[in-house]
């Protein structure tokens, strides 16, 4: 019992140390994303602007410099604007997920307010909400923002990002009957603004 108590106390002391408190940052966030038009044989696919949410996990490698993992998801509605002038349709809804690893650099490594730049590379997962095929594609992001710390443990993070996905021309979003949309774009580009609560440990 005594050893267990000592172990718990040791863990609590380590978790409260200034060095460890600045080692990791976990930031669940919510934001707003827009953009993502794709050209097809039938017309333009337009991903309607909507909310996005996710989490960022940062590990300090030196003062002001972090390695970052980011997951972000947008549950979007797709509008097809037909080439022949017929009314717009909603062929399916589309979830867009970004899975990125990158780096974050703070211009001011101490103090309450810390402006930063962030960059990431990884994959975009395009997931139709019906039974059509999902797709993975290479992507990246670039952003700027700021952190404001209320205490050693908690802060607010606000940022803006541009996300770009490599999308070679070809057939996508095929249904079980193998009916597909032929996309002519070489990429999909979106923008987002996000805000979240920083938890440091």
C-alpha atoms as a PDB file:
ATOM      1  CA  UNK A   1       0.000   0.000   0.000  1.00  0.00           C
ATOM      2  CA  UNK A   2       2.815   2.377   0.933  1.00  0.00           C
ATOM      3  CA  UNK A   3       4.630   1.714  -2.357  1.00  0.00           C
ATOM      4  CA  UNK A   4       1.431   2.368  -4.304  1.00  0.00           C
ATOM      5  CA  UNK A   5       0.905   5.662  -2.473  1.00  0.00           C
ATOM      6  CA  UNK A   6       4.486   6.719  -3.183  1.00  0.00           C
ATOM      7  CA  UNK A   7       4.071   5.830  -6.865  1.00  0.00           C
ATOM      8  CA  UNK A   8       0.891   7.925  -7.134  1.00  0.00           C
ATOM      9  CA  UNK A   9       2.617  10.862  -5.415  1.00  0.00           C
ATOM     10  CA  UNK A  10       5.604  10.571  -7.750  1.00  0.00           C
ATOM     11  CA  UNK A  11       3.337  10.614 -10.816  1.00  0.00           C
ATOM     12  CA  UNK A  12       1.461  13.650  -9.473  1.00  0.00           C
ATOM     13  CA  UNK A  13       4.730  15.485  -8.839  1.00  0.00           C
ATOM     14  CA  UNK A  14       5.976  14.720 -12.342  1.00  0.00           C
ATOM     15  CA  UNK A  15       2.717  15.845 -13.912  1.00  0.00           C
ATOM     16  CA  UNK A  16       2.893  19.112 -11.983  1.00  0.00           C
ATOM     17  CA  UNK A  17       6.498  19.872 -12.955  1.00  0.00           C
ATOM     18  CA  UNK A  18       6.995  22.867 -15.287  1.00  0.00           C
ATOM     19  CA  UNK A  19       9.053  20.841 -17.777  1.00  0.00           C
ATOM     20  CA  UNK A  20       6.455  18.152 -18.316  1.00  0.00           C
ATOM     21  CA  UNK A  21       3.613  20.679 -18.279  1.00  0.00           C
ATOM     22  CA  UNK A  22       5.105  22.299 -21.384  1.00  0.00           C
ATOM     23  CA  UNK A  23       5.922  19.065 -23.180  1.00  0.00           C
ATOM     24  CA  UNK A  24       2.486  18.243 -24.649  1.00  0.00           C
ATOM     25  CA  UNK A  25      -0.563  20.208 -25.796  1.00  0.00           C
ATOM     26  CA  UNK A  26      -3.936  18.652 -26.612  1.00  0.00           C
ATOM     27  CA  UNK A  27      -6.420  20.914 -28.416  1.00  0.00           C
ATOM     28  CA  UNK A  28      -9.934  19.748 -29.315  1.00  0.00           C
ATOM     29  CA  UNK A  29     -11.362  22.319 -31.724  1.00  0.00           C
ATOM     30  CA  UNK A  30     -14.347  23.392 -33.767  1.00  0.00           C
ATOM     31  CA  UNK A  31     -14.327  25.596 -36.849  1.00  0.00           C
ATOM     32  CA  UNK A  32     -15.751  26.469 -40.236  1.00  0.00           C
ATOM     33  CA  UNK A  33     -14.538  25.200 -43.624  1.00  0.00           C
ATOM     34  CA  UNK A  34     -15.303  26.337 -47.158  1.00  0.00           C
ATOM     35  CA  UNK A  35     -14.175  25.539 -50.714  1.00  0.00           C
ATOM     36  CA  UNK A  36     -13.697  22.234 -52.510  1.00  0.00           C
ATOM     37  CA  UNK A  37     -15.180  22.557 -56.025  1.00  0.00           C
ATOM     38  CA  UNK A  38     -14.441  19.656 -58.396  1.00  0.00           C
ATOM     39  CA  UNK A  39     -15.117  19.586 -62.156  1.00  0.00           C
ATOM     40  CA  UNK A  40     -16.817  16.479 -63.592  1.00  0.00           C
ATOM     41  CA  UNK A  41     -18.344  15.403 -66.923  1.00  0.00           C
ATOM     42  CA  UNK A  42     -21.796  16.141 -65.517  1.00  0.00           C
ATOM     43  CA  UNK A  43     -20.935  19.531 -63.986  1.00  0.00           C
ATOM     44  CA  UNK A  44     -19.257  21.068 -60.961  1.00  0.00           C
ATOM     45  CA  UNK A  45     -19.275  19.324 -57.615  1.00  0.00           C
ATOM     46  CA  UNK A  46     -19.458  22.001 -54.923  1.00  0.00           C
ATOM     47  CA  UNK A  47     -18.825  21.077 -51.285  1.00  0.00           C
ATOM     48  CA  UNK A  48     -21.037  23.447 -49.337  1.00  0.00           C
ATOM     49  CA  UNK A  49     -19.358  25.403 -46.539  1.00  0.00           C
ATOM     50  CA  UNK A  50     -20.039  23.933 -43.115  1.00  0.00           C
ATOM     51  CA  UNK A  51     -18.583  23.281 -39.683  1.00  0.00           C
ATOM     52  CA  UNK A  52     -15.563  21.094 -39.038  1.00  0.00           C
ATOM     53  CA  UNK A  53     -14.167  19.609 -35.849  1.00  0.00           C
ATOM     54  CA  UNK A  54     -11.222  17.588 -34.655  1.00  0.00           C
ATOM     55  CA  UNK A  55      -8.184  17.485 -32.404  1.00  0.00           C
ATOM     56  CA  UNK A  56      -4.561  18.632 -32.502  1.00  0.00           C
ATOM     57  CA  UNK A  57      -1.814  16.999 -30.454  1.00  0.00           C
ATOM     58  CA  UNK A  58       1.522  18.823 -30.140  1.00  0.00           C
ATOM     59  CA  UNK A  59       4.803  17.621 -28.639  1.00  0.00           C
ATOM     60  CA  UNK A  60       7.536  20.171 -27.863  1.00  0.00           C
ATOM     61  CA  UNK A  61      10.940  19.348 -29.332  1.00  0.00           C
ATOM     62  CA  UNK A  62      12.524  22.631 -28.183  1.00  0.00           C
ATOM     63  CA  UNK A  63      11.189  25.938 -26.847  1.00  0.00           C
ATOM     64  CA  UNK A  64       8.637  27.271 -29.328  1.00  0.00           C
ATOM     65  CA  UNK A  65       8.904  24.306 -31.739  1.00  0.00           C
ATOM     66  CA  UNK A  66       6.458  21.406 -31.823  1.00  0.00           C
ATOM     67  CA  UNK A  67       5.728  18.264 -33.772  1.00  0.00           C
ATOM     68  CA  UNK A  68       1.975  18.210 -34.434  1.00  0.00           C
ATOM     69  CA  UNK A  69      -0.622  15.583 -35.314  1.00  0.00           C
ATOM     70  CA  UNK A  70      -3.965  16.912 -36.567  1.00  0.00           C
ATOM     71  CA  UNK A  71      -7.250  15.156 -37.305  1.00  0.00           C
ATOM     72  CA  UNK A  72     -10.092  17.211 -38.770  1.00  0.00           C
ATOM     73  CA  UNK A  73     -13.497  16.189 -40.157  1.00  0.00           C
ATOM     74  CA  UNK A  74     -16.123  18.082 -42.127  1.00  0.00           C
ATOM     75  CA  UNK A  75     -19.555  16.567 -42.735  1.00  0.00           C
ATOM     76  CA  UNK A  76     -20.369  18.360 -45.969  1.00  0.00           C
ATOM     77  CA  UNK A  77     -23.217  18.447 -48.446  1.00  0.00           C
ATOM     78  CA  UNK A  78     -22.327  18.151 -52.145  1.00  0.00           C
ATOM     79  CA  UNK A  79     -24.228  20.169 -54.744  1.00  0.00           C
ATOM     80  CA  UNK A  80     -23.910  19.177 -58.420  1.00  0.00           C
ATOM     81  CA  UNK A  81     -24.292  22.167 -60.736  1.00  0.00           C
ATOM     82  CA  UNK A  82     -25.191  20.553 -64.082  1.00  0.00           C
ATOM     83  CA  UNK A  83     -23.494  21.629 -67.320  1.00  0.00           C
ATOM     84  CA  UNK A  84     -26.757  21.492 -69.247  1.00  0.00           C
ATOM     85  CA  UNK A  85     -28.403  24.134 -67.066  1.00  0.00           C
ATOM     86  CA  UNK A  86     -30.800  21.734 -65.335  1.00  0.00           C
ATOM     87  CA  UNK A  87     -31.541  22.367 -61.638  1.00  0.00           C
ATOM     88  CA  UNK A  88     -28.853  21.660 -59.074  1.00  0.00           C
ATOM     89  CA  UNK A  89     -29.004  18.290 -57.336  1.00  0.00           C
ATOM     90  CA  UNK A  90     -27.561  16.736 -54.195  1.00  0.00           C
ATOM     91  CA  UNK A  91     -26.192  13.357 -55.387  1.00  0.00           C
ATOM     92  CA  UNK A  92     -24.707  12.460 -51.992  1.00  0.00           C
ATOM     93  CA  UNK A  93     -23.219  13.968 -48.845  1.00  0.00           C
ATOM     94  CA  UNK A  94     -19.485  13.817 -48.284  1.00  0.00           C
ATOM     95  CA  UNK A  95     -17.355  13.625 -45.144  1.00  0.00           C
ATOM     96  CA  UNK A  96     -13.862  15.088 -45.615  1.00  0.00           C
ATOM     97  CA  UNK A  97     -11.197  13.992 -43.127  1.00  0.00           C
ATOM     98  CA  UNK A  98      -7.649  15.333 -42.872  1.00  0.00           C
ATOM     99  CA  UNK A  99      -4.974  13.213 -41.164  1.00  0.00           C
ATOM    100  CA  UNK A 100      -1.791  15.298 -41.006  1.00  0.00           C
ATOM    101  CA  UNK A 101       1.574  15.304 -39.246  1.00  0.00           C
ATOM    102  CA  UNK A 102       3.734  18.397 -39.300  1.00  0.00           C
ATOM    103  CA  UNK A 103       5.366  21.148 -37.320  1.00  0.00           C
ATOM    104  CA  UNK A 104       4.395  24.301 -35.438  1.00  0.00           C
ATOM    105  CA  UNK A 105       6.701  27.217 -34.693  1.00  0.00           C
ATOM    106  CA  UNK A 106       5.930  29.971 -32.173  1.00  0.00           C
ATOM    107  CA  UNK A 107       7.430  33.386 -32.922  1.00  0.00           C
ATOM    108  CA  UNK A 108       7.309  34.129 -29.177  1.00  0.00           C
ATOM    109  CA  UNK A 109       8.170  31.043 -27.122  1.00  0.00           C
ATOM    110  CA  UNK A 110       7.080  32.395 -23.727  1.00  0.00           C
ATOM    111  CA  UNK A 111       4.478  34.754 -22.342  1.00  0.00           C
ATOM    112  CA  UNK A 112       0.703  34.576 -22.483  1.00  0.00           C
ATOM    113  CA  UNK A 113       0.294  35.339 -26.209  1.00  0.00           C
ATOM    114  CA  UNK A 114       2.192  33.240 -28.759  1.00  0.00           C
ATOM    115  CA  UNK A 115       1.677  33.769 -32.512  1.00  0.00           C
ATOM    116  CA  UNK A 116       2.645  30.814 -34.687  1.00  0.00           C
ATOM    117  CA  UNK A 117       2.861  29.256 -38.136  1.00  0.00           C
ATOM    118  CA  UNK A 118       1.982  25.615 -38.770  1.00  0.00           C
ATOM    119  CA  UNK A 119       2.469  23.194 -41.657  1.00  0.00           C
ATOM    120  CA  UNK A 120       1.379  19.590 -42.142  1.00  0.00           C
ATOM    121  CA  UNK A 121       1.429  16.725 -44.623  1.00  0.00           C
ATOM    122  CA  UNK A 122      -0.567  13.518 -44.748  1.00  0.00           C
ATOM    123  CA  UNK A 123      -3.760  12.197 -46.264  1.00  0.00           C
ATOM    124  CA  UNK A 124      -7.314  13.260 -47.032  1.00  0.00           C
ATOM    125  CA  UNK A 125     -10.087  10.683 -46.654  1.00  0.00           C
ATOM    126  CA  UNK A 126     -13.123  11.413 -48.855  1.00  0.00           C
ATOM    127  CA  UNK A 127     -16.061   9.417 -47.472  1.00  0.00           C
ATOM    128  CA  UNK A 128     -19.492   9.538 -49.175  1.00  0.00           C
ATOM    129  CA  UNK A 129     -22.242   9.006 -46.629  1.00  0.00           C
ATOM    130  CA  UNK A 130     -24.019   6.457 -48.850  1.00  0.00           C
ATOM    131  CA  UNK A 131     -22.592   3.191 -50.230  1.00  0.00           C
ATOM    132  CA  UNK A 132     -20.214   4.798 -52.754  1.00  0.00           C
ATOM    133  CA  UNK A 133     -16.475   4.189 -52.704  1.00  0.00           C
ATOM    134  CA  UNK A 134     -14.319   6.188 -50.284  1.00  0.00           C
ATOM    135  CA  UNK A 135     -10.901   7.477 -51.370  1.00  0.00           C
ATOM    136  CA  UNK A 136      -7.546   8.361 -49.772  1.00  0.00           C
ATOM    137  CA  UNK A 137      -5.313  11.070 -51.293  1.00  0.00           C
ATOM    138  CA  UNK A 138      -2.081  12.884 -50.425  1.00  0.00           C
ATOM    139  CA  UNK A 139      -2.624  16.363 -48.944  1.00  0.00           C
ATOM    140  CA  UNK A 140      -1.054  19.185 -46.989  1.00  0.00           C
ATOM    141  CA  UNK A 141      -1.933  22.301 -45.037  1.00  0.00           C
ATOM    142  CA  UNK A 142      -0.424  25.655 -44.128  1.00  0.00           C
ATOM    143  CA  UNK A 143      -1.707  27.956 -41.414  1.00  0.00           C
ATOM    144  CA  UNK A 144      -1.164  30.888 -39.078  1.00  0.00           C
ATOM    145  CA  UNK A 145      -2.646  31.615 -35.684  1.00  0.00           C
ATOM    146  CA  UNK A 146      -2.150  32.503 -32.081  1.00  0.00           C
ATOM    147  CA  UNK A 147      -2.293  30.952 -28.628  1.00  0.00           C
ATOM    148  CA  UNK A 148      -3.324  32.765 -25.468  1.00  0.00           C
ATOM    149  CA  UNK A 149      -2.645  31.047 -22.133  1.00  0.00           C
ATOM    150  CA  UNK A 150      -4.852  31.734 -19.125  1.00  0.00           C
ATOM    151  CA  UNK A 151      -2.594  29.602 -16.900  1.00  0.00           C
ATOM    152  CA  UNK A 152       0.215  27.054 -17.109  1.00  0.00           C
ATOM    153  CA  UNK A 153      -2.347  24.379 -17.990  1.00  0.00           C
ATOM    154  CA  UNK A 154      -5.001  25.973 -20.173  1.00  0.00           C
ATOM    155  CA  UNK A 155      -5.201  28.320 -23.107  1.00  0.00           C
ATOM    156  CA  UNK A 156      -7.112  29.294 -26.231  1.00  0.00           C
ATOM    157  CA  UNK A 157      -5.907  28.575 -29.782  1.00  0.00           C
ATOM    158  CA  UNK A 158      -7.258  30.380 -32.860  1.00  0.00           C
ATOM    159  CA  UNK A 159      -5.980  29.741 -36.387  1.00  0.00           C
ATOM    160  CA  UNK A 160      -6.654  29.876 -40.123  1.00  0.00           C
ATOM    161  CA  UNK A 161      -5.490  27.190 -42.562  1.00  0.00           C
ATOM    162  CA  UNK A 162      -5.396  26.369 -46.255  1.00  0.00           C
ATOM    163  CA  UNK A 163      -5.775  22.646 -47.055  1.00  0.00           C
ATOM    164  CA  UNK A 164      -4.864  21.216 -50.474  1.00  0.00           C
ATOM    165  CA  UNK A 165      -5.477  17.654 -51.679  1.00  0.00           C
ATOM    166  CA  UNK A 166      -3.864  15.986 -54.701  1.00  0.00           C
ATOM    167  CA  UNK A 167      -6.722  14.527 -56.765  1.00  0.00           C
ATOM    168  CA  UNK A 168      -5.588  13.156 -60.150  1.00  0.00           C
ATOM    169  CA  UNK A 169      -8.186  13.047 -62.914  1.00  0.00           C
ATOM    170  CA  UNK A 170     -10.176   9.827 -63.023  1.00  0.00           C
ATOM    171  CA  UNK A 171     -13.305   8.034 -61.888  1.00  0.00           C
ATOM    172  CA  UNK A 172     -14.416   8.633 -58.296  1.00  0.00           C
ATOM    173  CA  UNK A 173     -17.350   7.998 -55.972  1.00  0.00           C
ATOM    174  CA  UNK A 174     -18.456   4.815 -57.774  1.00  0.00           C
ATOM    175  CA  UNK A 175     -21.681   3.203 -56.596  1.00  0.00           C
ATOM    176  CA  UNK A 176     -22.235  -0.581 -56.294  1.00  0.00           C
ATOM    177  CA  UNK A 177     -23.394  -0.629 -59.950  1.00  0.00           C
ATOM    178  CA  UNK A 178     -19.994   0.869 -60.921  1.00  0.00           C
ATOM    179  CA  UNK A 179     -21.511   4.174 -62.011  1.00  0.00           C
ATOM    180  CA  UNK A 180     -18.802   6.776 -61.329  1.00  0.00           C
ATOM    181  CA  UNK A 181     -18.143  10.480 -61.652  1.00  0.00           C
ATOM    182  CA  UNK A 182     -15.241  11.406 -63.945  1.00  0.00           C
ATOM    183  CA  UNK A 183     -13.341  14.213 -62.198  1.00  0.00           C
ATOM    184  CA  UNK A 184     -11.039  16.470 -64.243  1.00  0.00           C
ATOM    185  CA  UNK A 185      -9.324  18.425 -61.475  1.00  0.00           C
ATOM    186  CA  UNK A 186      -5.766  17.898 -60.256  1.00  0.00           C
ATOM    187  CA  UNK A 187      -6.562  19.022 -56.755  1.00  0.00           C
ATOM    188  CA  UNK A 188      -9.086  20.139 -54.172  1.00  0.00           C
ATOM    189  CA  UNK A 189      -8.473  23.307 -52.165  1.00  0.00           C
ATOM    190  CA  UNK A 190     -10.227  24.422 -48.988  1.00  0.00           C
ATOM    191  CA  UNK A 191      -9.857  27.025 -46.278  1.00  0.00           C
ATOM    192  CA  UNK A 192     -10.785  26.846 -42.606  1.00  0.00           C
ATOM    193  CA  UNK A 193     -10.801  28.859 -39.394  1.00  0.00           C
ATOM    194  CA  UNK A 194     -10.643  26.993 -36.074  1.00  0.00           C
ATOM    195  CA  UNK A 195     -10.714  27.666 -32.364  1.00  0.00           C
ATOM    196  CA  UNK A 196     -10.055  25.294 -29.484  1.00  0.00           C
ATOM    197  CA  UNK A 197      -9.132  24.882 -25.833  1.00  0.00           C
ATOM    198  CA  UNK A 198      -5.466  24.011 -25.183  1.00  0.00           C
ATOM    199  CA  UNK A 199      -4.808  21.493 -22.418  1.00  0.00           C
ATOM    200  CA  UNK A 200      -1.119  21.257 -21.444  1.00  0.00           C
ATOM    201  CA  UNK A 201       0.443  18.328 -19.620  1.00  0.00           C
END
